[in-house]
Amino acid sequence: MAGDGLKGRRILVTRPRDQARVLARKIAACGGVPKICPMIEIEPLPPPPSGWWQGYDWMIFVSANAARMALAAGLPSRLPVRLAAIGPATAGVLERAGLPVACQAPPPYTSESLLSRPEFTAAAGRRLLIVRGVGGRRLLGEELTRRGATVVHLALYRRQPPGSDAIAALQAGLREGVDAVLATSGEILNHLRQAAGTGLLQLLRLPLLVAGGRLARLAAQAGFSEVVTAASARDEAMLAALERYFANR
């Protein structure tokens, strides 16, 4: 990794555990000191019936977790349906499995940017399957329905609050000293606040790196005083924003 702006910086990584490990390795490669404190856990749901992918014009994956769970649920490598992904990490999971992605959201890799693609601006008469977790944002499905598509949602996983070990790691990290915190979803923000305990005021004063303007606004509303915005939730974008922040201090 270029630059040494992260050298010795202690960074709290709050993504789900598997993704946190990948990002932590990259932070360490930049000279930083990552501390993994997953503020959200991913729980697979029972797989859907066989052939669940049939009968659609498009299948839209909202996250890398959605893509991984779909593969675990038997998604075949040859499909009579076009695939769309929100974000390059999601697209990468599918393409590494031999599944070509016909449409990918442009930066900042959000539901809004996917909706701007010509493939979905005229959606009338199409049958679309949105593969996701339980809950989450409703914008994508609602807007595609408004545009005339028939939209079906398939939830393959559930997001769970952090476990006691992650909460203990967060509180210990706050006591020992932290230079920045990373957050990539509104749920993570909420769990961070709830898990901080007596260290909440300290947490709110730390630099908080988030992905995109929508999350930056949520962080400010949640009381974080110093919010740093990365261009997207990609590891490379988060690392670049961190390096810029510390280089300019």
Protein backbone atom coordinates (compact mmCIF):
# COMPACT_ATOMS: atom_id res chain seq x y z
CA MET A 1 0.00 0.00 0.00
CA ALA A 2 1.22 3.49 -0.83
CA GLY A 3 1.93 6.04 1.88
CA ASP A 4 2.47 5.72 5.60
CA GLY A 5 -0.39 7.87 6.88
CA LEU A 6 -1.73 4.98 8.93
CA LYS A 7 1.57 4.08 10.60
CA GLY A 8 0.85 3.27 14.22
CA ARG A 9 -2.77 4.43 13.99
CA ARG A 10 -5.21 2.32 15.99
CA ILE A 11 -8.33 1.66 13.93
CA LEU A 12 -11.57 0.03 15.07
CA VAL A 13 -13.00 -2.14 12.27
CA THR A 14 -16.70 -2.78 12.84
CA ARG A 15 -17.74 -4.73 9.74
CA PRO A 16 -19.07 -8.31 9.97
CA ARG A 17 -16.30 -10.62 11.08
CA ASP A 18 -15.20 -12.11 7.74
CA GLN A 19 -15.13 -8.75 5.97
CA ALA A 20 -13.47 -7.15 8.98
CA ARG A 21 -10.58 -9.62 8.80
CA VAL A 22 -9.90 -8.75 5.16
CA LEU A 23 -9.93 -5.00 5.82
CA ALA A 24 -7.83 -5.43 8.97
CA ARG A 25 -5.10 -7.16 6.95
CA LYS A 26 -5.04 -4.24 4.53
CA ILE A 27 -4.85 -1.70 7.37
CA ALA A 28 -1.95 -3.63 8.87
CA ALA A 29 -0.21 -3.66 5.48
CA CYS A 30 -0.42 0.15 5.55
CA GLY A 31 1.24 0.25 8.96
CA GLY A 32 -1.95 0.68 10.96
CA VAL A 33 -3.00 -1.26 14.03
CA PRO A 34 -6.47 -2.70 13.38
CA LYS A 35 -8.78 -3.86 16.14
CA ILE A 36 -11.67 -6.04 14.97
CA CYS A 37 -14.93 -5.27 16.77
CA PRO A 38 -17.78 -6.56 14.58
CA MET A 39 -20.84 -4.48 15.37
CA ILE A 40 -23.04 -6.71 13.25
CA GLU A 41 -23.14 -10.48 12.69
CA ILE A 42 -24.44 -12.30 9.60
CA GLU A 43 -26.70 -15.31 10.24
CA PRO A 44 -27.70 -17.48 7.25
CA LEU A 45 -31.37 -18.31 6.86
CA PRO A 46 -32.65 -21.74 5.73
CA PRO A 47 -32.07 -22.10 1.97
CA PRO A 48 -35.02 -21.50 -0.37
CA PRO A 49 -36.55 -24.30 -2.47
CA SER A 50 -34.55 -25.58 -5.43
CA GLY A 51 -34.95 -23.58 -8.61
CA TRP A 52 -35.57 -20.36 -6.69
CA TRP A 53 -33.70 -18.36 -9.35
CA GLN A 54 -36.06 -19.28 -12.20
CA GLY A 55 -38.65 -17.06 -13.86
CA TYR A 56 -36.96 -13.66 -13.61
CA ASP A 57 -35.50 -11.20 -16.09
CA TRP A 58 -32.99 -9.77 -13.60
CA MET A 59 -31.56 -10.87 -10.27
CA ILE A 60 -30.21 -7.99 -8.18
CA PHE A 61 -27.73 -8.61 -5.36
CA VAL A 62 -27.61 -5.84 -2.79
CA SER A 63 -24.45 -6.95 -0.96
CA ALA A 64 -21.51 -9.32 -1.03
CA ASN A 65 -23.21 -11.28 1.74
CA ALA A 66 -26.29 -11.70 -0.46
CA ALA A 67 -24.08 -13.06 -3.25
CA ARG A 68 -22.26 -15.47 -0.93
CA MET A 69 -25.50 -16.79 0.54
CA ALA A 70 -27.00 -17.24 -2.93
CA LEU A 71 -24.03 -19.35 -3.98
CA ALA A 72 -24.37 -21.40 -0.80
CA ALA A 73 -28.06 -21.85 -1.65
CA GLY A 74 -27.17 -23.57 -4.91
CA LEU A 75 -27.12 -20.74 -7.44
CA PRO A 76 -25.82 -22.46 -10.61
CA SER A 77 -23.05 -21.11 -12.83
CA ARG A 78 -25.35 -21.02 -15.87
CA LEU A 79 -28.47 -18.91 -15.49
CA PRO A 80 -31.26 -17.80 -17.85
CA VAL A 81 -31.34 -14.46 -16.01
CA ARG A 82 -29.16 -11.37 -16.02
CA LEU A 83 -27.35 -10.40 -12.84
CA ALA A 84 -26.91 -6.95 -11.31
CA ALA A 85 -24.80 -5.99 -8.31
CA ILE A 86 -24.55 -2.99 -6.03
CA GLY A 87 -20.83 -2.47 -5.66
CA PRO A 88 -17.67 -4.11 -6.97
CA ALA A 89 -17.25 -6.37 -3.91
CA THR A 90 -20.64 -7.94 -4.64
CA ALA A 91 -19.85 -8.25 -8.33
CA GLY A 92 -16.49 -9.82 -7.47
CA VAL A 93 -18.10 -12.60 -5.43
CA LEU A 94 -20.32 -13.53 -8.36
CA GLU A 95 -17.66 -13.25 -11.05
CA ARG A 96 -15.16 -15.36 -9.10
CA ALA A 97 -17.85 -18.06 -9.11
CA GLY A 98 -18.08 -17.84 -12.92
CA LEU A 99 -21.26 -15.73 -12.98
CA PRO A 100 -21.03 -12.68 -15.26
CA VAL A 101 -22.53 -9.46 -13.92
CA ALA A 102 -24.44 -7.61 -16.62
CA CYS A 103 -25.04 -4.42 -14.65
CA GLN A 104 -23.19 -2.85 -11.76
CA ALA A 105 -24.07 0.31 -9.86
CA PRO A 106 -21.67 3.18 -10.56
CA PRO A 107 -19.96 5.05 -7.68
CA PRO A 108 -20.89 5.57 -4.89
CA TYR A 109 -22.34 2.04 -5.29
CA THR A 110 -25.77 2.59 -3.79
CA SER A 111 -29.37 1.70 -4.58
CA GLU A 112 -29.77 5.19 -6.00
CA SER A 113 -26.84 4.80 -8.38
CA LEU A 114 -28.07 1.39 -9.58
CA LEU A 115 -31.46 2.94 -10.29
CA SER A 116 -29.73 5.51 -12.49
CA ARG A 117 -28.50 2.81 -14.88
CA PRO A 118 -30.40 2.61 -18.19
CA GLU A 119 -31.10 -1.09 -17.58
CA PHE A 120 -33.47 -0.08 -14.76
CA THR A 121 -34.77 3.35 -15.74
CA ALA A 122 -37.35 1.62 -17.95
CA ALA A 123 -38.36 -1.40 -15.87
CA ALA A 124 -42.01 -1.78 -16.84
CA GLY A 125 -43.08 -5.38 -17.43
CA ARG A 126 -39.91 -6.96 -16.06
CA ARG A 127 -39.76 -9.54 -13.28
CA LEU A 128 -36.98 -8.75 -10.84
CA LEU A 129 -35.64 -10.74 -7.90
CA ILE A 130 -33.82 -8.72 -5.22
CA VAL A 131 -31.53 -10.93 -3.15
CA ARG A 132 -30.76 -9.40 0.23
CA GLY A 133 -30.90 -9.80 4.01
CA VAL A 134 -33.93 -9.42 6.23
CA GLY A 135 -34.97 -5.78 6.49
CA GLY A 136 -32.65 -3.14 5.11
CA ARG A 137 -33.49 -0.24 2.84
CA ARG A 138 -36.74 -0.43 0.88
CA LEU A 139 -35.88 2.18 -1.73
CA LEU A 140 -34.75 -0.17 -4.50
CA GLY A 141 -37.80 -2.41 -4.53
CA GLU A 142 -40.25 0.45 -4.05
CA GLU A 143 -38.79 2.52 -6.87
CA LEU A 144 -38.61 -0.40 -9.32
CA THR A 145 -42.22 -1.24 -8.51
CA ARG A 146 -43.16 2.37 -9.15
CA ARG A 147 -41.45 2.10 -12.53
CA GLY A 148 -43.70 -0.83 -13.45
CA ALA A 149 -41.60 -3.87 -12.59
CA THR A 150 -42.81 -6.93 -10.71
CA VAL A 151 -40.44 -7.14 -7.75
CA VAL A 152 -39.86 -10.17 -5.51
CA HIS A 153 -37.57 -10.02 -2.46
CA LEU A 154 -35.56 -13.04 -1.33
CA ALA A 155 -33.94 -12.79 2.11
CA LEU A 156 -31.06 -15.25 2.56
CA TYR A 157 -29.54 -13.94 5.79
CA ARG A 158 -30.30 -11.98 8.91
CA ARG A 159 -28.19 -9.24 10.48
CA GLN A 160 -27.75 -9.75 14.22
CA PRO A 161 -26.48 -7.41 16.97
CA PRO A 162 -22.87 -7.82 18.09
CA GLY A 163 -21.93 -10.61 20.46
CA SER A 164 -20.59 -10.07 23.95
CA ASP A 165 -17.00 -10.60 22.77
CA ALA A 166 -17.30 -7.80 20.22
CA ILE A 167 -18.88 -5.47 22.77
CA ALA A 168 -16.07 -6.22 25.23
CA ALA A 169 -13.47 -5.62 22.49
CA LEU A 170 -15.05 -2.25 21.66
CA GLN A 171 -15.12 -1.09 25.26
CA ALA A 172 -11.56 -2.29 25.84
CA GLY A 173 -10.42 -0.49 22.69
CA LEU A 174 -11.99 2.74 23.86
CA ARG A 175 -10.25 2.44 27.24
CA GLU A 176 -6.88 1.66 25.66
CA GLY A 177 -7.12 4.42 23.06
CA VAL A 178 -8.30 4.53 19.46
CA ASP A 179 -7.43 6.90 16.60
CA ALA A 180 -10.43 6.25 14.31
CA VAL A 181 -13.53 4.11 13.90
CA LEU A 182 -14.94 2.68 10.65
CA ALA A 183 -18.66 2.19 9.98
CA THR A 184 -20.36 1.07 6.77
CA SER A 185 -24.07 0.95 7.66
CA GLY A 186 -26.70 2.67 9.76
CA GLU A 187 -27.16 -0.50 11.81
CA ILE A 188 -23.47 -0.50 12.69
CA LEU A 189 -23.76 3.12 13.83
CA ASN A 190 -26.66 2.25 16.12
CA HIS A 191 -24.89 -0.79 17.54
CA LEU A 192 -21.72 1.23 18.13
CA ARG A 193 -23.59 3.72 20.27
CA GLN A 194 -25.39 1.02 22.22
CA ALA A 195 -22.26 -1.07 22.79
CA ALA A 196 -19.96 1.77 23.88
CA GLY A 197 -21.33 1.83 27.42
CA THR A 198 -19.58 4.38 29.59
CA GLY A 199 -17.25 5.16 26.69
CA LEU A 200 -20.01 6.70 24.55
CA LEU A 201 -18.82 10.30 24.86
CA GLN A 202 -15.30 9.25 23.96
CA LEU A 203 -16.64 7.31 20.96
CA LEU A 204 -18.62 10.29 19.69
CA ARG A 205 -15.49 12.47 19.75
CA LEU A 206 -13.41 10.03 17.67
CA PRO A 207 -12.96 10.45 13.90
CA LEU A 208 -15.63 8.23 12.32
CA LEU A 209 -15.01 7.05 8.76
CA VAL A 210 -18.20 6.24 6.86
CA ALA A 211 -19.08 5.23 3.32
CA GLY A 212 -21.04 7.85 1.38
CA GLY A 213 -23.01 10.99 2.09
CA ARG A 214 -26.19 9.31 3.35
CA LEU A 215 -24.31 7.54 6.11
CA ALA A 216 -22.36 10.72 6.91
CA ARG A 217 -25.64 12.51 7.56
CA LEU A 218 -26.85 9.66 9.78
CA ALA A 219 -23.58 9.78 11.74
CA ALA A 220 -23.90 13.50 12.32
CA GLN A 221 -27.48 13.04 13.50
CA ALA A 222 -26.28 10.30 15.86
CA GLY A 223 -23.92 12.76 17.55
CA PHE A 224 -20.54 11.93 16.02
CA SER A 225 -18.59 15.18 15.98
CA GLU A 226 -15.94 14.37 13.36
CA VAL A 227 -17.23 12.43 10.35
CA VAL A 228 -14.90 11.52 7.48
CA THR A 229 -16.59 10.39 4.27
CA ALA A 230 -15.11 7.79 1.93
CA ALA A 231 -16.26 7.61 -1.69
CA SER A 232 -17.70 4.12 -1.14
CA ALA A 233 -17.59 1.12 1.19
CA ARG A 234 -14.85 -0.57 -0.86
CA ASP A 235 -11.78 -1.42 1.22
CA GLU A 236 -9.59 0.65 -1.10
CA ALA A 237 -11.85 3.70 -0.79
CA MET A 238 -11.97 3.42 3.00
CA LEU A 239 -8.18 3.07 3.21
CA ALA A 240 -7.61 6.03 0.89
CA ALA A 241 -9.92 8.24 2.96
CA LEU A 242 -8.16 7.19 6.18
CA GLU A 243 -4.74 7.92 4.73
CA ARG A 244 -5.86 11.36 3.48
CA TYR A 245 -7.36 12.19 6.84
CA PHE A 246 -4.27 11.36 8.87
CA ALA A 247 -1.87 12.82 6.30
CA ASN A 248 -3.62 16.19 6.60
CA ARG A 249 -3.64 16.29 10.41
